[in-house]
PDB file of all heavy atoms in Angstrom:
ATOM      1  N   ASN A   1      20.875  15.017 -43.165  1.00  0.00           N
ATOM      2  CA  ASN A   1      21.916  16.033 -43.274  1.00  0.00           C
ATOM      3  C   ASN A   1      23.313  15.463 -43.105  1.00  0.00           C
ATOM      4  O   ASN A   1      24.291  16.168 -43.222  1.00  0.00           O
ATOM      5  CB  ASN A   1      21.679  17.164 -42.230  1.00  0.00           C
ATOM      6  CG  ASN A   1      20.781  18.259 -42.763  1.00  0.00           C
ATOM      7  OD1 ASN A   1      20.234  18.177 -43.889  1.00  0.00           O
ATOM      8  ND2 ASN A   1      20.597  19.280 -41.987  1.00  0.00           N
ATOM      9  N   LYS A   2      23.367  14.167 -42.762  1.00  0.00           N
ATOM     10  CA  LYS A   2      24.669  13.506 -42.621  1.00  0.00           C
ATOM     11  C   LYS A   2      25.333  13.464 -44.012  1.00  0.00           C
ATOM     12  O   LYS A   2      24.709  13.056 -45.002  1.00  0.00           O
ATOM     13  CB  LYS A   2      24.400  12.068 -42.150  1.00  0.00           C
ATOM     14  CG  LYS A   2      25.391  11.493 -41.200  1.00  0.00           C
ATOM     15  CD  LYS A   2      24.981  10.056 -40.854  1.00  0.00           C
ATOM     16  CE  LYS A   2      25.687   9.508 -39.654  1.00  0.00           C
ATOM     17  NZ  LYS A   2      25.074  10.016 -38.411  1.00  0.00           N
ATOM     18  N   HIS A   3      26.590  13.835 -44.090  1.00  0.00           N
ATOM     19  CA  HIS A   3      27.271  13.820 -45.387  1.00  0.00           C
ATOM     20  C   HIS A   3      27.456  12.390 -45.875  1.00  0.00           C
ATOM     21  O   HIS A   3      27.496  11.440 -45.096  1.00  0.00           O
ATOM     22  CB  HIS A   3      28.608  14.549 -45.291  1.00  0.00           C
ATOM     23  CG  HIS A   3      28.474  16.034 -45.390  1.00  0.00           C
ATOM     24  ND1 HIS A   3      29.480  16.856 -45.853  1.00  0.00           N
ATOM     25  CD2 HIS A   3      27.444  16.879 -45.082  1.00  0.00           C
ATOM     26  CE1 HIS A   3      29.104  18.113 -45.833  1.00  0.00           C
ATOM     27  NE2 HIS A   3      27.852  18.151 -45.361  1.00  0.00           N
ATOM     28  N   THR A   4      27.591  12.264 -47.179  1.00  0.00           N
ATOM     29  CA  THR A   4      27.697  10.938 -47.805  1.00  0.00           C
ATOM     30  C   THR A   4      28.774  10.081 -47.183  1.00  0.00           C
ATOM     31  O   THR A   4      28.597   8.884 -46.970  1.00  0.00           O
ATOM     32  CB  THR A   4      27.984  11.116 -49.314  1.00  0.00           C
ATOM     33  OG1 THR A   4      26.951  11.925 -49.893  1.00  0.00           O
ATOM     34  CG2 THR A   4      28.019   9.772 -50.016  1.00  0.00           C
ATOM     35  N   ARG A   5      29.918  10.706 -46.879  1.00  0.00           N
ATOM     36  CA  ARG A   5      31.060   9.974 -46.305  1.00  0.00           C
ATOM     37  C   ARG A   5      30.670   9.200 -45.051  1.00  0.00           C
ATOM     38  O   ARG A   5      31.194   8.126 -44.783  1.00  0.00           O
ATOM     39  CB  ARG A   5      32.181  10.975 -46.006  1.00  0.00           C
ATOM     40  CG  ARG A   5      33.379  10.364 -45.285  1.00  0.00           C
ATOM     41  CD  ARG A   5      34.426  11.451 -45.061  1.00  0.00           C
ATOM     42  NE  ARG A   5      35.548  10.950 -44.274  1.00  0.00           N
ATOM     43  CZ  ARG A   5      36.600  11.689 -43.963  1.00  0.00           C
ATOM     44  NH1 ARG A   5      36.677  12.974 -44.376  1.00  0.00           N
ATOM     45  NH2 ARG A   5      37.575  11.187 -43.223  1.00  0.00           N
ATOM     46  N   TYR A   6      29.771   9.774 -44.252  1.00  0.00           N
ATOM     47  CA  TYR A   6      29.358   9.162 -42.988  1.00  0.00           C
ATOM     48  C   TYR A   6      28.045   8.397 -43.122  1.00  0.00           C
ATOM     49  O   TYR A   6      27.839   7.404 -42.433  1.00  0.00           O
ATOM     50  CB  TYR A   6      29.247  10.230 -41.923  1.00  0.00           C
ATOM     51  CG  TYR A   6      30.473  11.079 -41.789  1.00  0.00           C
ATOM     52  CD1 TYR A   6      30.493  12.378 -42.295  1.00  0.00           C
ATOM     53  CD2 TYR A   6      31.632  10.608 -41.195  1.00  0.00           C
ATOM     54  CE1 TYR A   6      31.631  13.156 -42.223  1.00  0.00           C
ATOM     55  CE2 TYR A   6      32.789  11.379 -41.111  1.00  0.00           C
ATOM     56  CZ  TYR A   6      32.777  12.666 -41.643  1.00  0.00           C
ATOM     57  OH  TYR A   6      33.923  13.420 -41.564  1.00  0.00           O
ATOM     58  N   ALA A   7      27.163   8.856 -43.987  1.00  0.00           N
ATOM     59  CA  ALA A   7      25.833   8.244 -44.090  1.00  0.00           C
ATOM     60  C   ALA A   7      25.856   6.939 -44.872  1.00  0.00           C
ATOM     61  O   ALA A   7      25.240   5.951 -44.443  1.00  0.00           O
ATOM     62  CB  ALA A   7      24.871   9.228 -44.759  1.00  0.00           C
ATOM     63  N   GLU A   8      26.562   6.912 -45.999  1.00  0.00           N
ATOM     64  CA  GLU A   8      26.517   5.719 -46.854  1.00  0.00           C
ATOM     65  C   GLU A   8      27.011   4.452 -46.139  1.00  0.00           C
ATOM     66  O   GLU A   8      26.363   3.405 -46.248  1.00  0.00           O
ATOM     67  CB  GLU A   8      27.248   5.954 -48.169  1.00  0.00           C
ATOM     68  CG  GLU A   8      26.427   6.739 -49.168  1.00  0.00           C
ATOM     69  CD  GLU A   8      27.030   6.654 -50.554  1.00  0.00           C
ATOM     70  OE1 GLU A   8      28.167   6.171 -50.729  1.00  0.00           O
ATOM     71  OE2 GLU A   8      26.320   7.103 -51.498  1.00  0.00           O
ATOM     72  N   PRO A   9      28.121   4.492 -45.425  1.00  0.00           N
ATOM     73  CA  PRO A   9      28.547   3.253 -44.740  1.00  0.00           C
ATOM     74  C   PRO A   9      27.539   2.782 -43.712  1.00  0.00           C
ATOM     75  O   PRO A   9      27.345   1.574 -43.546  1.00  0.00           O
ATOM     76  CB  PRO A   9      29.859   3.689 -44.065  1.00  0.00           C
ATOM     77  CG  PRO A   9      30.366   4.827 -44.862  1.00  0.00           C
ATOM     78  CD  PRO A   9      29.144   5.566 -45.292  1.00  0.00           C
ATOM     79  N   VAL A  10      26.865   3.704 -43.045  1.00  0.00           N
ATOM     80  CA  VAL A  10      25.870   3.324 -42.058  1.00  0.00           C
ATOM     81  C   VAL A  10      24.644   2.709 -42.717  1.00  0.00           C
ATOM     82  O   VAL A  10      24.163   1.657 -42.319  1.00  0.00           O
ATOM     83  CB  VAL A  10      25.478   4.538 -41.179  1.00  0.00           C
ATOM     84  CG1 VAL A  10      24.269   4.211 -40.293  1.00  0.00           C
ATOM     85  CG2 VAL A  10      26.650   4.977 -40.303  1.00  0.00           C
ATOM     86  N   VAL A  11      24.148   3.383 -43.752  1.00  0.00           N
ATOM     87  CA  VAL A  11      22.987   2.883 -44.482  1.00  0.00           C
ATOM     88  C   VAL A  11      23.272   1.492 -45.081  1.00  0.00           C
ATOM     89  O   VAL A  11      22.453   0.578 -44.986  1.00  0.00           O
ATOM     90  CB  VAL A  11      22.553   3.873 -45.573  1.00  0.00           C
ATOM     91  CG1 VAL A  11      21.490   3.286 -46.477  1.00  0.00           C
ATOM     92  CG2 VAL A  11      22.019   5.149 -44.926  1.00  0.00           C
ATOM     93  N   ARG A  12      24.454   1.360 -45.654  1.00  0.00           N
ATOM     94  CA  ARG A  12      24.840   0.073 -46.257  1.00  0.00           C
ATOM     95  C   ARG A  12      25.044  -0.995 -45.170  1.00  0.00           C
ATOM     96  O   ARG A  12      24.606  -2.126 -45.284  1.00  0.00           O
ATOM     97  CB  ARG A  12      26.108   0.258 -47.071  1.00  0.00           C
ATOM     98  CG  ARG A  12      26.552  -0.989 -47.835  1.00  0.00           C
ATOM     99  CD  ARG A  12      27.677  -0.677 -48.790  1.00  0.00           C
ATOM    100  NE  ARG A  12      28.859  -0.172 -48.110  1.00  0.00           N
ATOM    101  CZ  ARG A  12      29.265   1.123 -48.203  1.00  0.00           C
ATOM    102  NH1 ARG A  12      28.599   2.000 -48.912  1.00  0.00           N
ATOM    103  NH2 ARG A  12      30.376   1.498 -47.539  1.00  0.00           N
ATOM    104  N   GLY A  13      25.746  -0.607 -44.091  1.00  0.00           N
ATOM    105  CA  GLY A  13      26.041  -1.565 -43.039  1.00  0.00           C
ATOM    106  C   GLY A  13      24.812  -2.069 -42.326  1.00  0.00           C
ATOM    107  O   GLY A  13      24.805  -3.219 -41.806  1.00  0.00           O
ATOM    108  N   LEU A  14      23.727  -1.291 -42.310  1.00  0.00           N
ATOM    109  CA  LEU A  14      22.499  -1.716 -41.684  1.00  0.00           C
ATOM    110  C   LEU A  14      21.528  -2.379 -42.672  1.00  0.00           C
ATOM    111  O   LEU A  14      20.404  -2.720 -42.294  1.00  0.00           O
ATOM    112  CB  LEU A  14      21.804  -0.495 -41.022  1.00  0.00           C
ATOM    113  CG  LEU A  14      22.576   0.138 -39.858  1.00  0.00           C
ATOM    114  CD1 LEU A  14      21.845   1.369 -39.364  1.00  0.00           C
ATOM    115  CD2 LEU A  14      22.780  -0.851 -38.728  1.00  0.00           C
ATOM    116  N   GLY A  15      21.973  -2.569 -43.877  1.00  0.00           N
ATOM    117  CA  GLY A  15      21.175  -3.243 -44.868  1.00  0.00           C
ATOM    118  C   GLY A  15      19.988  -2.440 -45.375  1.00  0.00           C
ATOM    119  O   GLY A  15      18.997  -3.000 -45.875  1.00  0.00           O
ATOM    120  N   LEU A  16      20.092  -1.116 -45.313  1.00  0.00           N
ATOM    121  CA  LEU A  16      18.993  -0.269 -45.749  1.00  0.00           C
ATOM    122  C   LEU A  16      19.170   0.223 -47.187  1.00  0.00           C
ATOM    123  O   LEU A  16      18.210   0.718 -47.796  1.00  0.00           O
ATOM    124  CB  LEU A  16      18.875   0.959 -44.819  1.00  0.00           C
ATOM    125  CG  LEU A  16      18.536   0.674 -43.361  1.00  0.00           C
ATOM    126  CD1 LEU A  16      18.604   1.942 -42.560  1.00  0.00           C
ATOM    127  CD2 LEU A  16      17.141   0.047 -43.244  1.00  0.00           C
ATOM    128  N   ASP A  17      20.366   0.074 -47.731  1.00  0.00           N
ATOM    129  CA  ASP A  17      20.650   0.642 -49.057  1.00  0.00           C
ATOM    130  C   ASP A  17      19.831  -0.023 -50.134  1.00  0.00           C
ATOM    131  O   ASP A  17      19.410   0.643 -51.088  1.00  0.00           O
ATOM    132  CB  ASP A  17      22.138   0.541 -49.384  1.00  0.00           C
ATOM    133  CG  ASP A  17      22.692  -0.869 -49.239  1.00  0.00           C
ATOM    134  OD1 ASP A  17      22.200  -1.626 -48.381  1.00  0.00           O
ATOM    135  OD2 ASP A  17      23.616  -1.221 -49.992  1.00  0.00           O
ATOM    136  N   ASN A  18      19.571  -1.339 -50.019  1.00  0.00           N
ATOM    137  CA  ASN A  18      18.791  -2.024 -51.050  1.00  0.00           C
ATOM    138  C   ASN A  18      17.303  -1.975 -50.787  1.00  0.00           C
ATOM    139  O   ASN A  18      16.505  -2.460 -51.599  1.00  0.00           O
ATOM    140  CB  ASN A  18      19.237  -3.500 -51.123  1.00  0.00           C
ATOM    141  CG  ASN A  18      20.657  -3.621 -51.651  1.00  0.00           C
ATOM    142  OD1 ASN A  18      21.060  -2.872 -52.523  1.00  0.00           O
ATOM    143  ND2 ASN A  18      21.411  -4.586 -51.127  1.00  0.00           N
ATOM    144  N   ARG A  19      16.910  -1.378 -49.692  1.00  0.00           N
ATOM    145  CA  ARG A  19      15.486  -1.281 -49.343  1.00  0.00           C
ATOM    146  C   ARG A  19      14.934   0.119 -49.580  1.00  0.00           C
ATOM    147  O   ARG A  19      13.740   0.268 -49.904  1.00  0.00           O
ATOM    148  CB  ARG A  19      15.251  -1.716 -47.891  1.00  0.00           C
ATOM    149  CG  ARG A  19      15.736  -3.150 -47.621  1.00  0.00           C
ATOM    150  CD  ARG A  19      15.706  -3.449 -46.141  1.00  0.00           C
ATOM    151  NE  ARG A  19      14.348  -3.374 -45.605  1.00  0.00           N
ATOM    152  CZ  ARG A  19      14.081  -3.382 -44.305  1.00  0.00           C
ATOM    153  NH1 ARG A  19      15.058  -3.433 -43.414  1.00  0.00           N
ATOM    154  NH2 ARG A  19      12.817  -3.312 -43.896  1.00  0.00           N
ATOM    155  N   ALA A  20      15.749   1.091 -49.362  1.00  0.00           N
ATOM    156  CA  ALA A  20      15.313   2.478 -49.531  1.00  0.00           C
ATOM    157  C   ALA A  20      15.194   2.800 -51.023  1.00  0.00           C
ATOM    158  O   ALA A  20      16.080   2.462 -51.814  1.00  0.00           O
ATOM    159  CB  ALA A  20      16.276   3.453 -48.882  1.00  0.00           C
ATOM    160  N   ALA A  21      14.116   3.496 -51.377  1.00  0.00           N
ATOM    161  CA  ALA A  21      13.895   3.863 -52.793  1.00  0.00           C
ATOM    162  C   ALA A  21      14.840   4.984 -53.204  1.00  0.00           C
ATOM    163  O   ALA A  21      15.151   5.126 -54.379  1.00  0.00           O
ATOM    164  CB  ALA A  21      12.452   4.256 -53.005  1.00  0.00           C
ATOM    165  N   THR A  22      15.296   5.770 -52.261  1.00  0.00           N
ATOM    166  CA  THR A  22      16.247   6.830 -52.544  1.00  0.00           C
ATOM    167  C   THR A  22      16.947   7.209 -51.235  1.00  0.00           C
ATOM    168  O   THR A  22      16.361   7.062 -50.154  1.00  0.00           O
ATOM    169  CB  THR A  22      15.576   8.105 -53.173  1.00  0.00           C
ATOM    170  OG1 THR A  22      16.558   9.011 -53.585  1.00  0.00           O
ATOM    171  CG2 THR A  22      14.642   8.778 -52.181  1.00  0.00           C
ATOM    172  N   VAL A  23      18.184   7.670 -51.336  1.00  0.00           N
ATOM    173  CA  VAL A  23      18.925   8.147 -50.176  1.00  0.00           C
ATOM    174  C   VAL A  23      19.548   9.482 -50.555  1.00  0.00           C
ATOM    175  O   VAL A  23      20.374   9.557 -51.469  1.00  0.00           O
ATOM    176  CB  VAL A  23      20.043   7.147 -49.736  1.00  0.00           C
ATOM    177  CG1 VAL A  23      20.820   7.731 -48.555  1.00  0.00           C
ATOM    178  CG2 VAL A  23      19.427   5.803 -49.376  1.00  0.00           C
ATOM    179  N   ILE A  24      19.167  10.535 -49.843  1.00  0.00           N
ATOM    180  CA  ILE A  24      19.681  11.865 -50.072  1.00  0.00           C
ATOM    181  C   ILE A  24      20.500  12.266 -48.845  1.00  0.00           C
ATOM    182  O   ILE A  24      19.980  12.242 -47.715  1.00  0.00           O
ATOM    183  CB  ILE A  24      18.552  12.890 -50.286  1.00  0.00           C
ATOM    184  CG1 ILE A  24      17.646  12.443 -51.445  1.00  0.00           C
ATOM    185  CG2 ILE A  24      19.128  14.277 -50.553  1.00  0.00           C
ATOM    186  CD1 ILE A  24      18.324  12.382 -52.794  1.00  0.00           C
ATOM    187  N   CYS A  25      21.758  12.628 -49.058  1.00  0.00           N
ATOM    188  CA  CYS A  25      22.639  12.979 -47.950  1.00  0.00           C
ATOM    189  C   CYS A  25      22.836  14.502 -47.858  1.00  0.00           C
ATOM    190  O   CYS A  25      22.355  15.248 -48.713  1.00  0.00           O
ATOM    191  CB  CYS A  25      23.994  12.294 -48.129  1.00  0.00           C
ATOM    192  SG  CYS A  25      23.885  10.492 -48.193  1.00  0.00           S
ATOM    193  N   GLY A  26      23.532  14.932 -46.834  1.00  0.00           N
ATOM    194  CA  GLY A  26      23.684  16.363 -46.612  1.00  0.00           C
ATOM    195  C   GLY A  26      24.453  17.097 -47.652  1.00  0.00           C
ATOM    196  O   GLY A  26      24.336  18.314 -47.754  1.00  0.00           O
ATOM    197  N   ASP A  27      25.238  16.365 -48.459  1.00  0.00           N
ATOM    198  CA  ASP A  27      25.995  16.983 -49.522  1.00  0.00           C
ATOM    199  C   ASP A  27      25.551  16.545 -50.903  1.00  0.00           C
ATOM    200  O   ASP A  27      26.241  16.784 -51.889  1.00  0.00           O
ATOM    201  CB  ASP A  27      27.488  16.727 -49.345  1.00  0.00           C
ATOM    202  CG  ASP A  27      27.824  15.247 -49.188  1.00  0.00           C
ATOM    203  OD1 ASP A  27      26.876  14.420 -49.045  1.00  0.00           O
ATOM    204  OD2 ASP A  27      29.009  14.883 -49.214  1.00  0.00           O
ATOM    205  N   THR A  28      24.380  15.922 -50.978  1.00  0.00           N
ATOM    206  CA  THR A  28      23.852  15.512 -52.280  1.00  0.00           C
ATOM    207  C   THR A  28      23.471  16.722 -53.107  1.00  0.00           C
ATOM    208  O   THR A  28      23.667  16.767 -54.338  1.00  0.00           O
ATOM    209  CB  THR A  28      22.632  14.595 -52.120  1.00  0.00           C
ATOM    210  OG1 THR A  28      22.998  13.444 -51.385  1.00  0.00           O
ATOM    211  CG2 THR A  28      22.045  14.172 -53.459  1.00  0.00           C
ATOM    212  N   VAL A  29      22.892  17.716 -52.446  1.00  0.00           N
ATOM    213  CA  VAL A  29      22.560  18.987 -53.090  1.00  0.00           C
ATOM    214  C   VAL A  29      23.305  20.089 -52.361  1.00  0.00           C
ATOM    215  O   VAL A  29      23.914  19.868 -51.310  1.00  0.00           O
ATOM    216  CB  VAL A  29      21.032  19.242 -53.120  1.00  0.00           C
ATOM    217  CG1 VAL A  29      20.336  18.217 -53.983  1.00  0.00           C
ATOM    218  CG2 VAL A  29      20.472  19.210 -51.685  1.00  0.00           C
TER     219      VAL A  29
END
């Protein structure tokens, strides 16, 4: 439920962005 503005930097900074098959944030839908 974390909005993209806050979630994406964390996911990317922890190196999860290239490992996760999909990332859905609180404002994706």
